[in-house]
Amino acid sequence: MSIMSSSENEETRAGNEAASSAAHDAATDAAERNAQAAKSTHLPDGRPPRRSGDGWTYGSDGKKHWGLNGAAGLMLVDPERGVLMQHRALWSVEGGTWGFPGGARDMGESAIDAAVRESWEEAGVPDQDGSGIEILETHVLDLGTWSYTTVIAKTLRRFDAVINDPESIQLSWVPVDELEDFELHPGVAAALPTLLELLRPHL
């Protein structure tokens, strides 16, 4: 068995702290670059590869909607901090408004899996496998050939969101009673009374 001296232990600890600090700085720099890109009205360079659900389609309302297989978003609630809200990139549809992390569903992907995946890709939360949260309710806006599912979930431990791509100007935990003070995406604004009604029994 190898026994390390106190000086070797200190060197190892210092090296681990330096590596952790460097990784944190790199993540912070990336988040700042993405947030700056989100403030442009032009599509950013270096967009992620297209997925099977990416594309425009029309719903029964006659309007164009994103997601060939529908779309989903995650209304993630931290009991202490509120709901994770995304200030949407200016280049996106209804850019500059606030909504939930989310996006198009892949072919064959469930709404819950899509909401969790999109939130992880855009905000780094929850864990990639969806652990650390409890799914509470779902709400579906069904427009025939297109649908949007809001997945309401509660955190089981603390998550710190980070801007992982240029789709977010800002990410913020907003107290439930302050949500209506924000300039919400029209779809979120329309669904909010129902979403809050579904959420309240779980608070």
Protein backbone atom coordinates (compact mmCIF):
# COMPACT_ATOMS: atom_id res chain seq x y z
CA MET A 1 0.00 0.00 0.00
CA SER A 2 1.32 3.44 -0.94
CA ILE A 3 1.21 6.16 1.70
CA MET A 4 1.39 9.76 0.52
CA SER A 5 3.19 12.41 2.52
CA SER A 6 1.37 15.52 3.69
CA SER A 7 3.19 17.60 1.09
CA GLU A 8 2.12 15.18 -1.66
CA ASN A 9 -1.45 15.35 -0.38
CA GLU A 10 -1.34 19.15 -0.53
CA GLU A 11 0.03 19.07 -4.08
CA THR A 12 -2.72 16.66 -5.16
CA ARG A 13 -5.40 18.80 -3.50
CA ALA A 14 -4.01 21.97 -5.12
CA GLY A 15 -3.92 20.27 -8.51
CA ASN A 16 -7.54 19.11 -8.17
CA GLU A 17 -8.66 22.59 -7.13
CA ALA A 18 -6.81 24.19 -10.06
CA ALA A 19 -8.42 21.73 -12.51
CA SER A 20 -11.85 22.37 -11.03
CA SER A 21 -11.34 26.13 -11.21
CA ALA A 22 -10.19 25.91 -14.84
CA ALA A 23 -13.24 23.83 -15.78
CA HIS A 24 -15.54 26.32 -14.04
CA ASP A 25 -13.90 29.26 -15.82
CA ALA A 26 -14.25 27.50 -19.19
CA ALA A 27 -17.95 26.81 -18.56
CA THR A 28 -18.50 30.42 -17.49
CA ASP A 29 -16.76 31.75 -20.62
CA ALA A 30 -18.84 29.45 -22.84
CA ALA A 31 -22.07 30.57 -21.15
CA GLU A 32 -21.15 34.23 -21.68
CA ARG A 33 -20.37 33.64 -25.38
CA ASN A 34 -23.67 31.81 -25.85
CA ALA A 35 -25.60 34.58 -24.08
CA GLN A 36 -24.01 37.19 -26.36
CA ALA A 37 -24.89 35.12 -29.44
CA ALA A 38 -28.47 34.89 -28.20
CA LYS A 39 -28.75 38.70 -28.23
CA SER A 40 -28.31 38.78 -32.01
CA THR A 41 -31.26 38.69 -34.37
CA HIS A 42 -29.24 36.51 -36.77
CA LEU A 43 -28.91 32.74 -36.52
CA PRO A 44 -25.61 31.96 -34.76
CA ASP A 45 -22.81 30.01 -36.39
CA GLY A 46 -22.03 26.54 -35.10
CA ARG A 47 -25.61 25.45 -34.47
CA PRO A 48 -25.99 21.85 -33.25
CA PRO A 49 -26.55 19.18 -35.92
CA ARG A 50 -30.15 18.83 -37.07
CA ARG A 51 -32.22 16.23 -35.25
CA SER A 52 -35.02 14.06 -36.64
CA GLY A 53 -37.73 16.35 -35.26
CA ASP A 54 -36.29 19.64 -36.47
CA GLY A 55 -38.44 21.46 -38.99
CA TRP A 56 -41.59 23.51 -39.43
CA THR A 57 -45.12 22.20 -39.68
CA TYR A 58 -48.65 23.59 -39.47
CA GLY A 59 -51.24 23.02 -36.77
CA SER A 60 -55.01 23.10 -37.00
CA ASP A 61 -54.82 26.79 -36.12
CA GLY A 62 -53.22 27.42 -39.54
CA LYS A 63 -50.02 28.71 -37.94
CA LYS A 64 -46.47 27.45 -38.47
CA HIS A 65 -44.95 25.61 -35.49
CA TRP A 66 -41.51 24.18 -34.78
CA GLY A 67 -41.19 20.41 -34.48
CA LEU A 68 -42.14 17.84 -37.11
CA ASN A 69 -43.21 15.45 -34.34
CA GLY A 70 -44.48 18.12 -31.99
CA ALA A 71 -42.51 19.82 -29.24
CA ALA A 72 -42.14 19.74 -25.46
CA GLY A 73 -40.83 21.93 -22.68
CA LEU A 74 -39.90 21.44 -19.02
CA MET A 75 -41.55 23.57 -16.35
CA LEU A 76 -38.98 22.74 -13.67
CA VAL A 77 -39.90 23.88 -10.16
CA ASP A 78 -37.47 24.26 -7.29
CA PRO A 79 -39.58 24.49 -4.08
CA GLU A 80 -37.18 27.09 -2.67
CA ARG A 81 -36.38 29.19 -5.75
CA GLY A 82 -39.34 28.91 -8.10
CA VAL A 83 -39.61 27.98 -11.79
CA LEU A 84 -36.63 27.83 -14.16
CA MET A 85 -37.34 30.37 -16.90
CA GLN A 86 -35.47 30.94 -20.15
CA HIS A 87 -35.09 34.40 -21.69
CA ARG A 88 -35.34 33.36 -25.31
CA ALA A 89 -32.75 34.31 -27.93
CA LEU A 90 -33.68 37.29 -30.09
CA TRP A 91 -33.22 35.23 -33.27
CA SER A 92 -35.76 32.63 -32.14
CA VAL A 93 -39.54 32.65 -32.64
CA GLU A 94 -41.02 35.22 -30.23
CA GLY A 95 -37.45 36.13 -29.37
CA GLY A 96 -36.91 38.20 -26.26
CA THR A 97 -39.82 36.66 -24.39
CA TRP A 98 -39.58 34.24 -21.45
CA GLY A 99 -40.54 30.60 -21.51
CA PHE A 100 -39.47 27.12 -20.46
CA PRO A 101 -36.46 25.28 -21.89
CA GLY A 102 -37.74 22.98 -24.62
CA GLY A 103 -37.89 22.18 -28.29
CA ALA A 104 -38.78 19.69 -31.01
CA ARG A 105 -39.40 16.03 -30.21
CA ASP A 106 -37.28 13.46 -32.01
CA MET A 107 -39.05 10.77 -34.00
CA GLY A 108 -40.38 8.17 -31.55
CA GLU A 109 -39.35 10.25 -28.53
CA SER A 110 -41.82 10.70 -25.69
CA ALA A 111 -42.79 14.19 -24.62
CA ILE A 112 -41.23 13.69 -21.18
CA ASP A 113 -37.94 12.45 -22.63
CA ALA A 114 -37.88 15.35 -25.10
CA ALA A 115 -38.57 17.96 -22.41
CA VAL A 116 -35.82 16.60 -20.16
CA ARG A 117 -33.33 16.30 -23.04
CA GLU A 118 -34.02 19.80 -24.35
CA SER A 119 -33.73 21.33 -20.87
CA TRP A 120 -30.44 19.54 -20.28
CA GLU A 121 -29.10 20.64 -23.69
CA GLU A 122 -30.11 24.28 -23.18
CA ALA A 123 -29.74 24.78 -19.43
CA GLY A 124 -27.66 21.90 -18.08
CA VAL A 125 -30.53 20.73 -15.87
CA PRO A 126 -31.71 18.27 -14.76
CA ASP A 127 -29.21 15.44 -15.09
CA GLN A 128 -28.98 14.06 -18.61
CA ASP A 129 -30.78 10.86 -17.56
CA GLY A 130 -33.55 12.86 -15.88
CA SER A 131 -32.58 11.85 -12.35
CA GLY A 132 -33.01 14.31 -9.50
CA ILE A 133 -36.51 15.39 -10.48
CA GLU A 134 -40.06 14.14 -9.97
CA ILE A 135 -42.52 14.39 -12.86
CA LEU A 136 -45.74 15.89 -11.48
CA GLU A 137 -48.10 16.60 -14.39
CA THR A 138 -48.25 17.13 -18.13
CA HIS A 139 -50.33 19.59 -20.14
CA VAL A 140 -50.88 19.12 -23.88
CA LEU A 141 -51.83 21.76 -26.41
CA ASP A 142 -53.20 19.57 -29.22
CA LEU A 143 -53.49 21.24 -32.62
CA GLY A 144 -54.13 18.07 -34.59
CA THR A 145 -51.01 17.69 -36.73
CA TRP A 146 -48.87 19.42 -34.08
CA SER A 147 -48.84 19.42 -30.29
CA TYR A 148 -46.87 21.01 -27.48
CA THR A 149 -46.50 19.22 -24.15
CA THR A 150 -45.49 21.09 -21.01
CA VAL A 151 -43.95 18.67 -18.53
CA ILE A 152 -44.24 19.94 -14.96
CA ALA A 153 -41.54 18.56 -12.67
CA LYS A 154 -40.14 19.25 -9.20
CA THR A 155 -36.47 19.20 -8.25
CA LEU A 156 -35.41 16.66 -5.62
CA ARG A 157 -32.06 18.39 -5.12
CA ARG A 158 -30.50 21.71 -6.01
CA PHE A 159 -29.60 22.30 -9.65
CA ASP A 160 -27.61 25.26 -10.97
CA ALA A 161 -28.63 26.09 -14.52
CA VAL A 162 -26.02 27.18 -17.07
CA ILE A 163 -26.45 28.55 -20.60
CA ASN A 164 -25.27 25.67 -22.76
CA ASP A 165 -26.17 26.99 -26.21
CA PRO A 166 -27.09 30.26 -27.96
CA GLU A 167 -30.84 29.79 -27.41
CA SER A 168 -30.86 31.61 -24.07
CA ILE A 169 -30.04 35.20 -23.21
CA GLN A 170 -30.56 34.42 -19.56
CA LEU A 171 -31.75 31.62 -17.28
CA SER A 172 -33.42 32.50 -14.00
CA TRP A 173 -35.32 30.82 -11.17
CA VAL A 174 -38.50 32.87 -10.80
CA PRO A 175 -40.88 32.67 -7.81
CA VAL A 176 -44.23 31.24 -8.88
CA ASP A 177 -46.15 34.36 -7.87
CA GLU A 178 -43.87 36.54 -10.03
CA LEU A 179 -44.21 34.65 -13.32
CA GLU A 180 -46.94 36.94 -14.63
CA ASP A 181 -44.63 39.95 -14.18
CA PHE A 182 -42.45 38.71 -17.06
CA GLU A 183 -43.00 39.21 -20.79
CA LEU A 184 -43.93 35.60 -21.47
CA HIS A 185 -43.95 33.72 -24.76
CA PRO A 186 -47.60 33.92 -25.94
CA GLY A 187 -48.01 30.15 -25.69
CA VAL A 188 -46.72 30.11 -22.12
CA ALA A 189 -48.88 33.10 -21.19
CA ALA A 190 -52.00 31.41 -22.56
CA ALA A 191 -51.31 28.13 -20.74
CA LEU A 192 -50.02 29.63 -17.47
CA PRO A 193 -53.35 29.71 -15.54
CA THR A 194 -53.87 26.00 -16.28
CA LEU A 195 -50.23 25.13 -15.53
CA LEU A 196 -50.38 26.90 -12.16
CA GLU A 197 -53.63 25.11 -11.33
CA LEU A 198 -51.93 21.78 -12.05
CA LEU A 199 -48.86 22.78 -10.06
CA ARG A 200 -50.43 24.19 -6.88
CA PRO A 201 -51.43 20.85 -5.27
CA HIS A 202 -47.74 19.88 -5.37
CA LEU A 203 -46.34 23.02 -3.74
